[in-house]
């Protein structure tokens, strides 16, 4: 989405999960390898960022810049 204001232009693009994301953030029994899950539990024991699915919205990329006159 592009939003053109009086002095600025704003660009927004959704951040969605894809297959690559699911290797660490997918379903622990079908997407994440056992060794990967073990490492994640050691490095990030409090992490709850799992069970995501493909095309799930995770956030928005936002870029703004001044309009050229």
PDB file of N, CA and C in Angstrom:
ATOM      1  N   UNK A   1       0.845  -1.163   0.000  1.00  0.00           N
ATOM      2  CA  UNK A   1       0.000   0.000   0.000  1.00  0.00           C
ATOM      3  C   UNK A   1       0.899   1.237   0.000  1.00  0.00           C
ATOM      4  N   UNK A   2       0.568   2.189  -0.816  1.00  0.00           N
ATOM      5  CA  UNK A   2       1.294   3.456  -0.869  1.00  0.00           C
ATOM      6  C   UNK A   2       0.320   4.558  -0.487  1.00  0.00           C
ATOM      7  N   UNK A   3       0.746   5.412   0.423  1.00  0.00           N
ATOM      8  CA  UNK A   3      -0.076   6.524   0.882  1.00  0.00           C
ATOM      9  C   UNK A   3       0.687   7.810   0.597  1.00  0.00           C
ATOM     10  N   UNK A   4       0.118   8.667  -0.221  1.00  0.00           N
ATOM     11  CA  UNK A   4       0.783   9.917  -0.584  1.00  0.00           C
ATOM     12  C   UNK A   4       0.177  11.063   0.212  1.00  0.00           C
ATOM     13  N   UNK A   5       0.971  11.604   1.123  1.00  0.00           N
ATOM     14  CA  UNK A   5       0.538  12.753   1.910  1.00  0.00           C
ATOM     15  C   UNK A   5       1.013  14.038   1.263  1.00  0.00           C
ATOM     16  N   UNK A   6       0.780  15.135   1.954  1.00  0.00           N
ATOM     17  CA  UNK A   6       1.160  16.437   1.420  1.00  0.00           C
ATOM     18  C   UNK A   6       2.678  16.552   1.263  1.00  0.00           C
ATOM     19  N   UNK A   7       3.437  16.121   2.280  1.00  0.00           N
ATOM     20  CA  UNK A   7       4.889  16.269   2.271  1.00  0.00           C
ATOM     21  C   UNK A   7       5.663  14.953   2.254  1.00  0.00           C
ATOM     22  N   UNK A   8       4.978  13.839   2.495  1.00  0.00           N
ATOM     23  CA  UNK A   8       5.655  12.541   2.604  1.00  0.00           C
ATOM     24  C   UNK A   8       4.920  11.469   1.810  1.00  0.00           C
ATOM     25  N   UNK A   9       5.665  10.428   1.514  1.00  0.00           N
ATOM     26  CA  UNK A   9       5.095   9.224   0.914  1.00  0.00           C
ATOM     27  C   UNK A   9       5.361   8.088   1.894  1.00  0.00           C
ATOM     28  N   UNK A  10       4.345   7.292   2.163  1.00  0.00           N
ATOM     29  CA  UNK A  10       4.458   6.155   3.076  1.00  0.00           C
ATOM     30  C   UNK A  10       4.191   4.880   2.293  1.00  0.00           C
ATOM     31  N   UNK A  11       5.046   3.886   2.495  1.00  0.00           N
ATOM     32  CA  UNK A  11       4.917   2.589   1.838  1.00  0.00           C
ATOM     33  C   UNK A  11       4.759   1.531   2.920  1.00  0.00           C
ATOM     34  N   UNK A  12       3.765   0.664   2.783  1.00  0.00           N
ATOM     35  CA  UNK A  12       3.512  -0.403   3.739  1.00  0.00           C
ATOM     36  C   UNK A  12       3.455  -1.738   2.994  1.00  0.00           C
ATOM     37  N   UNK A  13       4.074  -2.757   3.578  1.00  0.00           N
ATOM     38  CA  UNK A  13       4.064  -4.084   2.959  1.00  0.00           C
ATOM     39  C   UNK A  13       3.952  -5.132   4.066  1.00  0.00           C
ATOM     40  N   UNK A  14       3.017  -6.072   3.936  1.00  0.00           N
ATOM     41  CA  UNK A  14       2.844  -7.063   5.001  1.00  0.00           C
ATOM     42  C   UNK A  14       4.024  -8.037   5.077  1.00  0.00           C
ATOM     43  N   UNK A  15       4.381  -8.405   6.297  1.00  0.00           N
ATOM     44  CA  UNK A  15       5.384  -9.436   6.520  1.00  0.00           C
ATOM     45  C   UNK A  15       4.610 -10.721   6.803  1.00  0.00           C
ATOM     46  N   UNK A  16       4.746 -11.687   5.923  1.00  0.00           N
ATOM     47  CA  UNK A  16       4.019 -12.952   6.059  1.00  0.00           C
ATOM     48  C   UNK A  16       5.000 -14.103   6.224  1.00  0.00           C
ATOM     49  N   UNK A  17       4.554 -15.133   6.905  1.00  0.00           N
ATOM     50  CA  UNK A  17       5.386 -16.321   7.059  1.00  0.00           C
ATOM     51  C   UNK A  17       5.392 -17.127   5.767  1.00  0.00           C
ATOM     52  N   UNK A  18       6.518 -17.796   5.533  1.00  0.00           N
ATOM     53  CA  UNK A  18       6.629 -18.687   4.385  1.00  0.00           C
ATOM     54  C   UNK A  18       7.274 -19.991   4.865  1.00  0.00           C
ATOM     55  N   UNK A  19       7.567 -20.902   3.962  1.00  0.00           N
ATOM     56  CA  UNK A  19       8.129 -22.199   4.337  1.00  0.00           C
ATOM     57  C   UNK A  19       9.418 -22.050   5.132  1.00  0.00           C
ATOM     58  N   UNK A  20      10.268 -21.116   4.739  1.00  0.00           N
ATOM     59  CA  UNK A  20      11.538 -20.920   5.433  1.00  0.00           C
ATOM     60  C   UNK A  20      11.303 -20.546   6.905  1.00  0.00           C
ATOM     61  N   UNK A  21      10.327 -19.692   7.179  1.00  0.00           N
ATOM     62  CA  UNK A  21      10.019 -19.277   8.552  1.00  0.00           C
ATOM     63  C   UNK A  21       9.592 -20.456   9.412  1.00  0.00           C
ATOM     64  N   UNK A  22       8.858 -21.385   8.792  1.00  0.00           N
ATOM     65  CA  UNK A  22       8.302 -22.511   9.543  1.00  0.00           C
ATOM     66  C   UNK A  22       9.365 -23.469  10.049  1.00  0.00           C
ATOM     67  N   UNK A  23      10.573 -23.390   9.530  1.00  0.00           N
ATOM     68  CA  UNK A  23      11.649 -24.272   9.998  1.00  0.00           C
ATOM     69  C   UNK A  23      11.997 -23.995  11.462  1.00  0.00           C
ATOM     70  N   UNK A  24      11.701 -22.791  11.945  1.00  0.00           N
ATOM     71  CA  UNK A  24      11.918 -22.453  13.353  1.00  0.00           C
ATOM     72  C   UNK A  24      10.628 -22.034  14.061  1.00  0.00           C
ATOM     73  N   UNK A  25       9.628 -21.586  13.307  1.00  0.00           N
ATOM     74  CA  UNK A  25       8.414 -21.026  13.898  1.00  0.00           C
ATOM     75  C   UNK A  25       7.152 -21.809  13.561  1.00  0.00           C
ATOM     76  N   UNK A  26       7.290 -22.933  12.899  1.00  0.00           N
ATOM     77  CA  UNK A  26       6.126 -23.729  12.525  1.00  0.00           C
ATOM     78  C   UNK A  26       5.683 -24.653  13.644  1.00  0.00           C
ATOM     79  N   UNK A  27       4.981 -25.693  13.262  1.00  0.00           N
ATOM     80  CA  UNK A  27       4.502 -26.694  14.199  1.00  0.00           C
ATOM     81  C   UNK A  27       5.679 -27.557  14.638  1.00  0.00           C
ATOM     82  N   UNK A  28       5.893 -27.672  15.942  1.00  0.00           N
ATOM     83  CA  UNK A  28       7.069 -28.379  16.449  1.00  0.00           C
ATOM     84  C   UNK A  28       7.078 -29.864  16.111  1.00  0.00           C
ATOM     85  N   UNK A  29       5.925 -30.442  15.815  1.00  0.00           N
ATOM     86  CA  UNK A  29       5.906 -31.869  15.494  1.00  0.00           C
ATOM     87  C   UNK A  29       5.966 -32.157  13.999  1.00  0.00           C
ATOM     88  N   UNK A  30       5.718 -31.157  13.143  1.00  0.00           N
ATOM     89  CA  UNK A  30       5.801 -31.450  11.712  1.00  0.00           C
ATOM     90  C   UNK A  30       6.718 -30.544  10.907  1.00  0.00           C
ATOM     91  N   UNK A  31       7.008 -29.332  11.354  1.00  0.00           N
ATOM     92  CA  UNK A  31       7.841 -28.423  10.566  1.00  0.00           C
ATOM     93  C   UNK A  31       9.260 -28.261  11.105  1.00  0.00           C
ATOM     94  N   UNK A  32       9.438 -28.365  12.407  1.00  0.00           N
ATOM     95  CA  UNK A  32      10.727 -28.073  13.020  1.00  0.00           C
ATOM     96  C   UNK A  32      11.466 -29.387  13.309  1.00  0.00           C
ATOM     97  N   UNK A  33      12.687 -29.478  12.805  1.00  0.00           N
ATOM     98  CA  UNK A  33      13.493 -30.679  13.033  1.00  0.00           C
ATOM     99  C   UNK A  33      13.806 -30.814  14.522  1.00  0.00           C
ATOM    100  N   UNK A  34      13.983 -32.029  14.986  1.00  0.00           N
ATOM    101  CA  UNK A  34      14.239 -32.300  16.403  1.00  0.00           C
ATOM    102  C   UNK A  34      15.482 -31.548  16.895  1.00  0.00           C
ATOM    103  N   UNK A  35      16.568 -31.592  16.122  1.00  0.00           N
ATOM    104  CA  UNK A  35      17.807 -30.915  16.521  1.00  0.00           C
ATOM    105  C   UNK A  35      17.608 -29.397  16.577  1.00  0.00           C
ATOM    106  N   UNK A  36      16.853 -28.867  15.639  1.00  0.00           N
ATOM    107  CA  UNK A  36      16.579 -27.427  15.626  1.00  0.00           C
ATOM    108  C   UNK A  36      15.763 -27.042  16.850  1.00  0.00           C
ATOM    109  N   UNK A  37      14.746 -27.837  17.174  1.00  0.00           N
ATOM    110  CA  UNK A  37      13.898 -27.544  18.329  1.00  0.00           C
ATOM    111  C   UNK A  37      14.712 -27.600  19.618  1.00  0.00           C
ATOM    112  N   UNK A  38      15.618 -28.559  19.723  1.00  0.00           N
ATOM    113  CA  UNK A  38      16.467 -28.670  20.914  1.00  0.00           C
ATOM    114  C   UNK A  38      17.357 -27.437  21.059  1.00  0.00           C
ATOM    115  N   UNK A  39      17.929 -26.982  19.955  1.00  0.00           N
ATOM    116  CA  UNK A  39      18.780 -25.785  19.982  1.00  0.00           C
ATOM    117  C   UNK A  39      17.970 -24.549  20.349  1.00  0.00           C
ATOM    118  N   UNK A  40      16.778 -24.427  19.786  1.00  0.00           N
ATOM    119  CA  UNK A  40      15.920 -23.282  20.099  1.00  0.00           C
ATOM    120  C   UNK A  40      15.558 -23.250  21.576  1.00  0.00           C
ATOM    121  N   UNK A  41      15.300 -24.415  22.156  1.00  0.00           N
ATOM    122  CA  UNK A  41      14.951 -24.471  23.586  1.00  0.00           C
ATOM    123  C   UNK A  41      16.125 -24.036  24.464  1.00  0.00           C
ATOM    124  N   UNK A  42      17.352 -24.320  24.010  1.00  0.00           N
ATOM    125  CA  UNK A  42      18.540 -23.907  24.766  1.00  0.00           C
ATOM    126  C   UNK A  42      18.775 -22.404  24.613  1.00  0.00           C
ATOM    127  N   UNK A  43      18.748 -21.926  23.361  1.00  0.00           N
ATOM    128  CA  UNK A  43      19.063 -20.525  23.085  1.00  0.00           C
ATOM    129  C   UNK A  43      17.938 -19.559  23.458  1.00  0.00           C
ATOM    130  N   UNK A  44      16.698 -20.026  23.322  1.00  0.00           N
ATOM    131  CA  UNK A  44      15.522 -19.158  23.554  1.00  0.00           C
ATOM    132  C   UNK A  44      14.484 -19.907  24.379  1.00  0.00           C
ATOM    133  N   UNK A  45      14.777 -20.196  25.651  1.00  0.00           N
ATOM    134  CA  UNK A  45      13.868 -21.022  26.448  1.00  0.00           C
ATOM    135  C   UNK A  45      12.480 -20.415  26.682  1.00  0.00           C
ATOM    136  N   UNK A  46      12.360 -19.106  26.621  1.00  0.00           N
ATOM    137  CA  UNK A  46      11.073 -18.438  26.854  1.00  0.00           C
ATOM    138  C   UNK A  46      10.290 -18.169  25.563  1.00  0.00           C
ATOM    139  N   UNK A  47      10.868 -18.517  24.419  1.00  0.00           N
ATOM    140  CA  UNK A  47      10.264 -18.195  23.120  1.00  0.00           C
ATOM    141  C   UNK A  47       8.955 -18.937  22.917  1.00  0.00           C
ATOM    142  N   UNK A  48       7.933 -18.196  22.517  1.00  0.00           N
ATOM    143  CA  UNK A  48       6.617 -18.777  22.230  1.00  0.00           C
ATOM    144  C   UNK A  48       6.224 -18.578  20.764  1.00  0.00           C
ATOM    145  N   UNK A  49       7.203 -18.214  19.927  1.00  0.00           N
ATOM    146  CA  UNK A  49       6.934 -17.909  18.517  1.00  0.00           C
ATOM    147  C   UNK A  49       6.939 -19.191  17.681  1.00  0.00           C
ATOM    148  N   UNK A  50       5.986 -20.066  17.958  1.00  0.00           N
ATOM    149  CA  UNK A  50       5.846 -21.324  17.217  1.00  0.00           C
ATOM    150  C   UNK A  50       4.383 -21.525  16.816  1.00  0.00           C
ATOM    151  N   UNK A  51       4.176 -22.552  16.028  1.00  0.00           N
ATOM    152  CA  UNK A  51       2.851 -22.928  15.521  1.00  0.00           C
ATOM    153  C   UNK A  51       2.276 -21.917  14.532  1.00  0.00           C
ATOM    154  N   UNK A  52       3.173 -21.200  13.837  1.00  0.00           N
ATOM    155  CA  UNK A  52       2.739 -20.321  12.764  1.00  0.00           C
ATOM    156  C   UNK A  52       2.451 -21.172  11.534  1.00  0.00           C
ATOM    157  N   UNK A  53       1.746 -20.609  10.582  1.00  0.00           N
ATOM    158  CA  UNK A  53       1.424 -21.297   9.346  1.00  0.00           C
ATOM    159  C   UNK A  53       1.836 -20.415   8.170  1.00  0.00           C
ATOM    160  N   UNK A  54       1.893 -20.996   6.986  1.00  0.00           N
ATOM    161  CA  UNK A  54       2.256 -20.248   5.779  1.00  0.00           C
ATOM    162  C   UNK A  54       1.241 -19.122   5.547  1.00  0.00           C
ATOM    163  N   UNK A  55       1.742 -17.970   5.142  1.00  0.00           N
ATOM    164  CA  UNK A  55       0.957 -16.767   4.842  1.00  0.00           C
ATOM    165  C   UNK A  55       0.308 -16.126   6.062  1.00  0.00           C
ATOM    166  N   UNK A  56       0.789 -16.458   7.254  1.00  0.00           N
ATOM    167  CA  UNK A  56       0.288 -15.787   8.448  1.00  0.00           C
ATOM    168  C   UNK A  56       0.898 -14.397   8.546  1.00  0.00           C
ATOM    169  N   UNK A  57       0.091 -13.419   8.863  1.00  0.00           N
ATOM    170  CA  UNK A  57       0.584 -12.043   8.998  1.00  0.00           C
ATOM    171  C   UNK A  57       1.357 -11.907  10.297  1.00  0.00           C
ATOM    172  N   UNK A  58       2.605 -11.445  10.227  1.00  0.00           N
ATOM    173  CA  UNK A  58       3.465 -11.311  11.392  1.00  0.00           C
ATOM    174  C   UNK A  58       3.805  -9.857  11.680  1.00  0.00           C
ATOM    175  N   UNK A  59       3.512  -8.967  10.758  1.00  0.00           N
ATOM    176  CA  UNK A  59       3.824  -7.559  10.969  1.00  0.00           C
ATOM    177  C   UNK A  59       3.749  -6.797   9.662  1.00  0.00           C
ATOM    178  N   UNK A  60       4.236  -5.559   9.688  1.00  0.00           N
ATOM    179  CA  UNK A  60       4.188  -4.689   8.512  1.00  0.00           C
ATOM    180  C   UNK A  60       5.522  -3.960   8.373  1.00  0.00           C
ATOM    181  N   UNK A  61       6.061  -3.976   7.166  1.00  0.00           N
ATOM    182  CA  UNK A  61       7.230  -3.174   6.839  1.00  0.00           C
ATOM    183  C   UNK A  61       6.725  -1.785   6.478  1.00  0.00           C
ATOM    184  N   UNK A  62       7.305  -0.764   7.078  1.00  0.00           N
ATOM    185  CA  UNK A  62       6.860   0.609   6.853  1.00  0.00           C
ATOM    186  C   UNK A  62       8.067   1.469   6.479  1.00  0.00           C
ATOM    187  N   UNK A  63       7.972   2.156   5.344  1.00  0.00           N
ATOM    188  CA  UNK A  63       9.025   3.063   4.884  1.00  0.00           C
ATOM    189  C   UNK A  63       8.370   4.400   4.542  1.00  0.00           C
ATOM    190  N   UNK A  64       8.979   5.472   5.004  1.00  0.00           N
ATOM    191  CA  UNK A  64       8.470   6.817   4.697  1.00  0.00           C
ATOM    192  C   UNK A  64       9.608   7.685   4.178  1.00  0.00           C
ATOM    193  N   UNK A  65       9.284   8.561   3.254  1.00  0.00           N
ATOM    194  CA  UNK A  65      10.285   9.496   2.740  1.00  0.00           C
ATOM    195  C   UNK A  65       9.609  10.796   2.325  1.00  0.00           C
ATOM    196  N   UNK A  66      10.431  11.849   2.286  1.00  0.00           N
ATOM    197  CA  UNK A  66       9.928  13.158   1.889  1.00  0.00           C
ATOM    198  C   UNK A  66       9.645  13.185   0.408  1.00  0.00           C
ATOM    199  N   UNK A  67       8.569  13.870   0.042  1.00  0.00           N
ATOM    200  CA  UNK A  67       8.268  14.091  -1.367  1.00  0.00           C
ATOM    201  C   UNK A  67       9.250  15.080  -1.950  1.00  0.00           C
ATOM    202  N   UNK A  68       9.656  14.827  -3.172  1.00  0.00           N
ATOM    203  CA  UNK A  68      10.490  15.810  -3.862  1.00  0.00           C
ATOM    204  C   UNK A  68       9.571  16.869  -4.426  1.00  0.00           C
ATOM    205  N   UNK A  69      10.008  18.085  -4.360  1.00  0.00           N
ATOM    206  CA  UNK A  69       9.161  19.179  -4.864  1.00  0.00           C
ATOM    207  C   UNK A  69       9.538  19.554  -6.254  1.00  0.00           C
TER     208      UNK A  69
END
